[in-house]
Every structure is written in structure tokens, then in C-alpha cells.
């Protein structure tokens, strides 16, 4: 059974980790989104990115806050905020066939 389509939930876990949750159930469609984001981050890491850890319905991104780029377009940004915004931009590039899976 396909669960309702909701936007991914991006949640800071602490000063060095952010979780992206795509659903509440274990199914192929949700897992495809998890693996798409994992692959994207492995191919396009941001400065300070340490590791990405997938689960069935979520992906946790670990990073070193001291190495995250703090300035983008001249605006001051906290490391966690930078990572959350990076993930939001990455998710906007997800192909439609993955979003609608």
C-alpha cells in the first residue's frame, strides 16, 4: 500500500547531524528516494560532510560543523542551517520519476 505523498522532513539532530525522513513505512518507493539522496550526496558532497547513513525511510547526514562553509552569498549562516538549506536545494533537483515513485 502506498502511503500519502508528503514532502521530506528535514530535522537537525544535533550540531553535527541532520536527518531527512521520506516516510513512515518500509516500501520500495520511499527507499528509492533515500538512495537517490544518498547517491547525490556521495557524488556532490558539501564542505565538512563526513558520512551519510541510510535507513529504510530516512537518511542521516553527519558533518563537521567546523568545516562547513559558513558564508553563502555574503550571508552569515550557522553550519546546521547551511546543511539544511543544502539538502533542500538537493531535493529540488530530484527527478520527477523519483519524487512520484
C-alpha atoms as a PDB file:
ATOM      1  CA  UNK A   1       0.000   0.000   0.000  1.00  0.00           C
ATOM      2  CA  UNK A   2       1.375   3.381  -0.997  1.00  0.00           C
ATOM      3  CA  UNK A   3       1.478   5.958   1.764  1.00  0.00           C
ATOM      4  CA  UNK A   4       0.350   9.552   1.129  1.00  0.00           C
ATOM      5  CA  UNK A   5       2.937  11.722  -0.567  1.00  0.00           C
ATOM      6  CA  UNK A   6       4.405  14.239   1.863  1.00  0.00           C
ATOM      7  CA  UNK A   7       7.448  16.438   1.422  1.00  0.00           C
ATOM      8  CA  UNK A   8      10.558  15.075   3.134  1.00  0.00           C
ATOM      9  CA  UNK A   9      11.003  16.120   6.763  1.00  0.00           C
ATOM     10  CA  UNK A  10      14.439  17.659   7.343  1.00  0.00           C
ATOM     11  CA  UNK A  11      15.307  17.657  11.017  1.00  0.00           C
ATOM     12  CA  UNK A  12      18.546  18.696  12.748  1.00  0.00           C
ATOM     13  CA  UNK A  13      19.547  16.026  15.279  1.00  0.00           C
ATOM     14  CA  UNK A  14      22.421  17.939  16.882  1.00  0.00           C
ATOM     15  CA  UNK A  15      25.181  20.357  15.859  1.00  0.00           C
ATOM     16  CA  UNK A  16      26.739  17.718  13.577  1.00  0.00           C
ATOM     17  CA  UNK A  17      23.861  15.705  12.116  1.00  0.00           C
ATOM     18  CA  UNK A  18      20.666  16.227  10.130  1.00  0.00           C
ATOM     19  CA  UNK A  19      18.050  13.598   9.291  1.00  0.00           C
ATOM     20  CA  UNK A  20      15.860  13.561   6.180  1.00  0.00           C
ATOM     21  CA  UNK A  21      12.743  11.393   6.564  1.00  0.00           C
ATOM     22  CA  UNK A  22      10.804  10.402   3.453  1.00  0.00           C
ATOM     23  CA  UNK A  23       8.034   8.318   5.002  1.00  0.00           C
ATOM     24  CA  UNK A  24       6.878   6.240   7.926  1.00  0.00           C
ATOM     25  CA  UNK A  25       6.679   2.839   6.283  1.00  0.00           C
ATOM     26  CA  UNK A  26       9.109   0.470   4.657  1.00  0.00           C
ATOM     27  CA  UNK A  27       8.444   0.332   0.932  1.00  0.00           C
ATOM     28  CA  UNK A  28      10.356   0.486  -2.330  1.00  0.00           C
ATOM     29  CA  UNK A  29       9.178   3.957  -3.292  1.00  0.00           C
ATOM     30  CA  UNK A  30      10.372   5.562  -0.072  1.00  0.00           C
ATOM     31  CA  UNK A  31      13.658   3.644  -0.156  1.00  0.00           C
ATOM     32  CA  UNK A  32      14.303   4.808  -3.744  1.00  0.00           C
ATOM     33  CA  UNK A  33      14.129   8.401  -2.511  1.00  0.00           C
ATOM     34  CA  UNK A  34      16.539   7.598   0.332  1.00  0.00           C
ATOM     35  CA  UNK A  35      19.036   6.013  -2.035  1.00  0.00           C
ATOM     36  CA  UNK A  36      18.688   8.859  -4.551  1.00  0.00           C
ATOM     37  CA  UNK A  37      19.650  11.415  -1.888  1.00  0.00           C
ATOM     38  CA  UNK A  38      22.460   9.180  -0.603  1.00  0.00           C
ATOM     39  CA  UNK A  39      23.893   8.896  -4.113  1.00  0.00           C
ATOM     40  CA  UNK A  40      23.500  12.639  -4.699  1.00  0.00           C
ATOM     41  CA  UNK A  41      25.425  13.471  -1.516  1.00  0.00           C
ATOM     42  CA  UNK A  42      28.171  10.962  -2.251  1.00  0.00           C
ATOM     43  CA  UNK A  43      28.616  12.475  -5.722  1.00  0.00           C
ATOM     44  CA  UNK A  44      28.184  16.108  -4.577  1.00  0.00           C
ATOM     45  CA  UNK A  45      29.476  16.399  -1.009  1.00  0.00           C
ATOM     46  CA  UNK A  46      29.356  19.749   0.733  1.00  0.00           C
ATOM     47  CA  UNK A  47      32.410  21.060   2.623  1.00  0.00           C
ATOM     48  CA  UNK A  48      32.534  19.365   6.018  1.00  0.00           C
ATOM     49  CA  UNK A  49      30.349  16.400   5.064  1.00  0.00           C
ATOM     50  CA  UNK A  50      31.502  13.297   6.952  1.00  0.00           C
ATOM     51  CA  UNK A  51      29.096  10.476   6.176  1.00  0.00           C
ATOM     52  CA  UNK A  52      25.586   9.631   5.054  1.00  0.00           C
ATOM     53  CA  UNK A  53      23.741   6.761   6.710  1.00  0.00           C
ATOM     54  CA  UNK A  54      20.595   5.434   5.021  1.00  0.00           C
ATOM     55  CA  UNK A  55      17.775   3.524   6.656  1.00  0.00           C
ATOM     56  CA  UNK A  56      14.591   2.228   5.045  1.00  0.00           C
ATOM     57  CA  UNK A  57      12.747   5.549   5.241  1.00  0.00           C
ATOM     58  CA  UNK A  58      15.340   8.171   6.196  1.00  0.00           C
ATOM     59  CA  UNK A  59      18.878   9.349   5.658  1.00  0.00           C
ATOM     60  CA  UNK A  60      21.113  10.844   8.339  1.00  0.00           C
ATOM     61  CA  UNK A  61      23.863  13.209   7.236  1.00  0.00           C
ATOM     62  CA  UNK A  62      26.823  13.678   9.573  1.00  0.00           C
ATOM     63  CA  UNK A  63      29.135  16.663   9.209  1.00  0.00           C
ATOM     64  CA  UNK A  64      31.920  18.539  10.976  1.00  0.00           C
ATOM     65  CA  UNK A  65      30.445  21.937  11.876  1.00  0.00           C
ATOM     66  CA  UNK A  66      33.916  23.493  11.978  1.00  0.00           C
ATOM     67  CA  UNK A  67      34.466  22.701   8.303  1.00  0.00           C
ATOM     68  CA  UNK A  68      31.056  23.602   6.896  1.00  0.00           C
ATOM     69  CA  UNK A  69      31.148  26.705   4.713  1.00  0.00           C
ATOM     70  CA  UNK A  70      29.583  29.461   6.798  1.00  0.00           C
ATOM     71  CA  UNK A  71      29.100  32.095   4.132  1.00  0.00           C
ATOM     72  CA  UNK A  72      26.982  31.790   1.022  1.00  0.00           C
ATOM     73  CA  UNK A  73      26.131  34.895  -1.000  1.00  0.00           C
ATOM     74  CA  UNK A  74      27.570  37.091   1.751  1.00  0.00           C
ATOM     75  CA  UNK A  75      25.041  35.966   4.367  1.00  0.00           C
ATOM     76  CA  UNK A  76      26.101  34.569   7.730  1.00  0.00           C
ATOM     77  CA  UNK A  77      24.684  31.102   8.352  1.00  0.00           C
ATOM     78  CA  UNK A  78      25.074  28.500  11.111  1.00  0.00           C
ATOM     79  CA  UNK A  79      26.559  25.177   9.957  1.00  0.00           C
ATOM     80  CA  UNK A  80      23.329  23.261  10.616  1.00  0.00           C
ATOM     81  CA  UNK A  81      21.337  25.878   8.686  1.00  0.00           C
ATOM     82  CA  UNK A  82      23.759  25.596   5.779  1.00  0.00           C
ATOM     83  CA  UNK A  83      23.324  21.809   5.686  1.00  0.00           C
ATOM     84  CA  UNK A  84      19.514  22.019   5.908  1.00  0.00           C
ATOM     85  CA  UNK A  85      19.451  24.536   3.036  1.00  0.00           C
ATOM     86  CA  UNK A  86      21.901  22.409   1.024  1.00  0.00           C
ATOM     87  CA  UNK A  87      19.594  19.408   1.458  1.00  0.00           C
ATOM     88  CA  UNK A  88      16.523  21.443   0.455  1.00  0.00           C
ATOM     89  CA  UNK A  89      18.287  22.550  -2.739  1.00  0.00           C
ATOM     90  CA  UNK A  90      19.409  18.979  -3.431  1.00  0.00           C
ATOM     91  CA  UNK A  91      15.871  17.644  -3.034  1.00  0.00           C
ATOM     92  CA  UNK A  92      14.606  20.194  -5.561  1.00  0.00           C
ATOM     93  CA  UNK A  93      16.853  18.540  -8.149  1.00  0.00           C
ATOM     94  CA  UNK A  94      15.360  15.084  -7.556  1.00  0.00           C
ATOM     95  CA  UNK A  95      13.966  13.812 -10.879  1.00  0.00           C
ATOM     96  CA  UNK A  96      10.179  13.717 -11.116  1.00  0.00           C
ATOM     97  CA  UNK A  97      10.138   9.939 -11.533  1.00  0.00           C
ATOM     98  CA  UNK A  98      11.836   9.626  -8.113  1.00  0.00           C
ATOM     99  CA  UNK A  99       9.575  12.201  -6.452  1.00  0.00           C
ATOM    100  CA  UNK A 100       6.448  10.476  -7.731  1.00  0.00           C
ATOM    101  CA  UNK A 101       7.648   6.946  -7.109  1.00  0.00           C
END
